[in-house]
Amino acid sequence: MITNAIRLHRLSKNYTQEYMAFRLGISQKAYSKLEAGITKLTVERLLEIASILELNTDAILNSSDPIKSYDSEHVI
C-alpha cells in the first residue's frame, strides 16, 4: 500500500507527521488522514511527499518492502 510505504519512509528519516504537514502546508490531522488512506492521495501530493522524503515516486509506488532494514524498535 502506497500510504504504508510513505509512512515507513517518513519514519526511516525520523520525520514526524507534524513536520510533513508543515512542509506540505496542511494540518497534522489532514496529513494523518492522507497517510491512513482516509483522504485520497493526488499525484501532485505524492510528488510533494516524495520531494520532502528525497525520493523519486518509483521508490514509493514500486516498494513492496520499502525499508527492509528499518528497526521497528525505534517507533514511538
Foldseek 3Di string as FASTA:
>chain_A
DLLVLLVLLCVVVVHDLCNVCVQVVHHSVVSVCVSVVVDDQDPVNLCSSCVVSVHHSCLRPVDPPNCPPDDCVPPD
